[in-house]
Amino acid sequence: MLRAEGWWVTQSSVSRDIAALRLVKSGRGHHCPPSGGRRALGRSRRRRVAEDVGGVESAGESLILLHTPPGEASAVGLALDRLAWTDIVDNCGGR
């Protein structure tokens, strides 16, 4: 059905997206947000960073590398940006 709509994706990428969005299968075979609605899908920014960062390693004097599950790096980066911690400098020269 996705290809018929012009979306060229693999089953594995769709499955990862469904898992990342924490969708549940309804009785009619459709994937929907949990009964708590969209708000239940979101996690706090701190919780996202705590749960999705699986490892940290030094990559120089003032650089670290965060290891995340496949497909979660962008969400972790966005959560870090929105936390606006003063001791984190972004790649544009800081806040």
Protein backbone atom coordinates (compact mmCIF):
# COMPACT_ATOMS: atom_id res chain seq x y z
CA MET A 1 0.00 0.00 0.00
CA LEU A 2 2.88 2.39 0.71
CA ARG A 3 4.42 1.81 -2.72
CA ALA A 4 1.04 2.48 -4.33
CA GLU A 5 1.18 5.89 -2.61
CA GLY A 6 4.73 6.53 -3.88
CA TRP A 7 6.67 5.59 -0.73
CA TRP A 8 9.63 3.28 -1.49
CA VAL A 9 10.54 1.80 1.89
CA THR A 10 11.64 -1.58 3.16
CA GLN A 11 9.66 -3.67 5.63
CA SER A 12 12.49 -3.39 8.15
CA SER A 13 12.49 0.43 8.02
CA VAL A 14 8.71 0.52 8.47
CA SER A 15 8.98 -1.89 11.41
CA ARG A 16 11.69 0.27 13.04
CA ASP A 17 9.53 3.38 12.57
CA ILE A 18 6.51 1.65 14.11
CA ALA A 19 8.64 0.57 17.08
CA ALA A 20 10.22 4.03 17.49
CA LEU A 21 6.78 5.66 17.48
CA ARG A 22 5.56 3.02 19.95
CA LEU A 23 2.47 2.37 17.89
CA VAL A 24 0.15 -0.49 18.78
CA LYS A 25 -1.89 -2.63 16.43
CA SER A 26 -5.62 -2.01 16.70
CA GLY A 27 -8.24 -4.71 16.39
CA ARG A 28 -8.74 -3.63 12.77
CA GLY A 29 -5.09 -4.22 11.85
CA HIS A 30 -4.09 -0.55 11.83
CA HIS A 31 -1.23 0.90 13.85
CA CYS A 32 -2.28 3.66 16.24
CA PRO A 33 -0.91 5.57 19.22
CA PRO A 34 -1.56 3.84 22.57
CA SER A 35 -4.91 4.62 24.15
CA GLY A 36 -3.29 7.45 26.10
CA GLY A 37 -3.04 9.42 22.85
CA ARG A 38 -0.13 11.31 21.37
CA ARG A 39 1.00 12.63 24.72
CA ALA A 40 1.68 9.06 25.88
CA LEU A 41 4.13 8.62 22.98
CA GLY A 42 6.44 11.38 24.12
CA ARG A 43 9.07 10.92 26.75
CA SER A 44 10.70 13.64 28.73
CA ARG A 45 13.87 14.95 27.15
CA ARG A 46 16.00 13.78 30.06
CA ARG A 47 14.41 10.34 29.95
CA ARG A 48 15.03 10.01 26.19
CA VAL A 49 18.71 10.80 26.68
CA ALA A 50 18.99 8.48 29.68
CA GLU A 51 17.26 5.56 27.97
CA ASP A 52 18.58 5.90 24.42
CA VAL A 53 22.25 6.64 25.03
CA GLY A 54 23.82 3.21 25.27
CA GLY A 55 27.42 4.30 25.53
CA VAL A 56 29.71 7.30 25.68
CA GLU A 57 33.33 7.53 24.65
CA SER A 58 35.89 10.29 24.45
CA ALA A 59 36.70 11.55 20.96
CA GLY A 60 39.24 14.20 21.85
CA GLU A 61 39.83 16.85 24.47
CA SER A 62 36.36 18.42 24.28
CA LEU A 63 34.35 15.96 22.20
CA ILE A 64 32.35 12.88 23.13
CA LEU A 65 30.65 10.24 21.05
CA LEU A 66 27.20 9.05 22.13
CA HIS A 67 26.06 5.59 21.02
CA THR A 68 22.33 5.23 20.35
CA PRO A 69 20.11 2.50 18.91
CA PRO A 70 19.60 2.63 15.13
CA GLY A 71 17.31 5.50 14.19
CA GLU A 72 17.44 7.24 17.59
CA ALA A 73 20.47 9.55 17.19
CA SER A 74 18.43 12.40 15.74
CA ALA A 75 15.84 12.22 18.53
CA VAL A 76 18.57 12.15 21.20
CA GLY A 77 20.31 15.11 19.55
CA LEU A 78 17.05 17.06 19.44
CA ALA A 79 16.36 16.24 23.10
CA LEU A 80 19.86 17.46 24.04
CA ASP A 81 19.34 20.67 22.04
CA ARG A 82 16.00 21.34 23.70
CA LEU A 83 17.41 20.72 27.18
CA ALA A 84 19.74 23.67 26.46
CA TRP A 85 22.34 22.63 29.02
CA THR A 86 24.87 25.43 29.35
CA ASP A 87 27.84 23.04 29.45
CA ILE A 88 27.03 21.60 26.00
CA VAL A 89 28.30 23.49 22.97
CA ASP A 90 26.70 22.81 19.60
CA ASN A 91 28.55 22.67 16.27
CA CYS A 92 27.60 26.29 15.49
CA GLY A 93 29.71 27.82 18.23
CA GLY A 94 27.52 27.39 21.29
CA ARG A 95 24.42 28.94 22.77
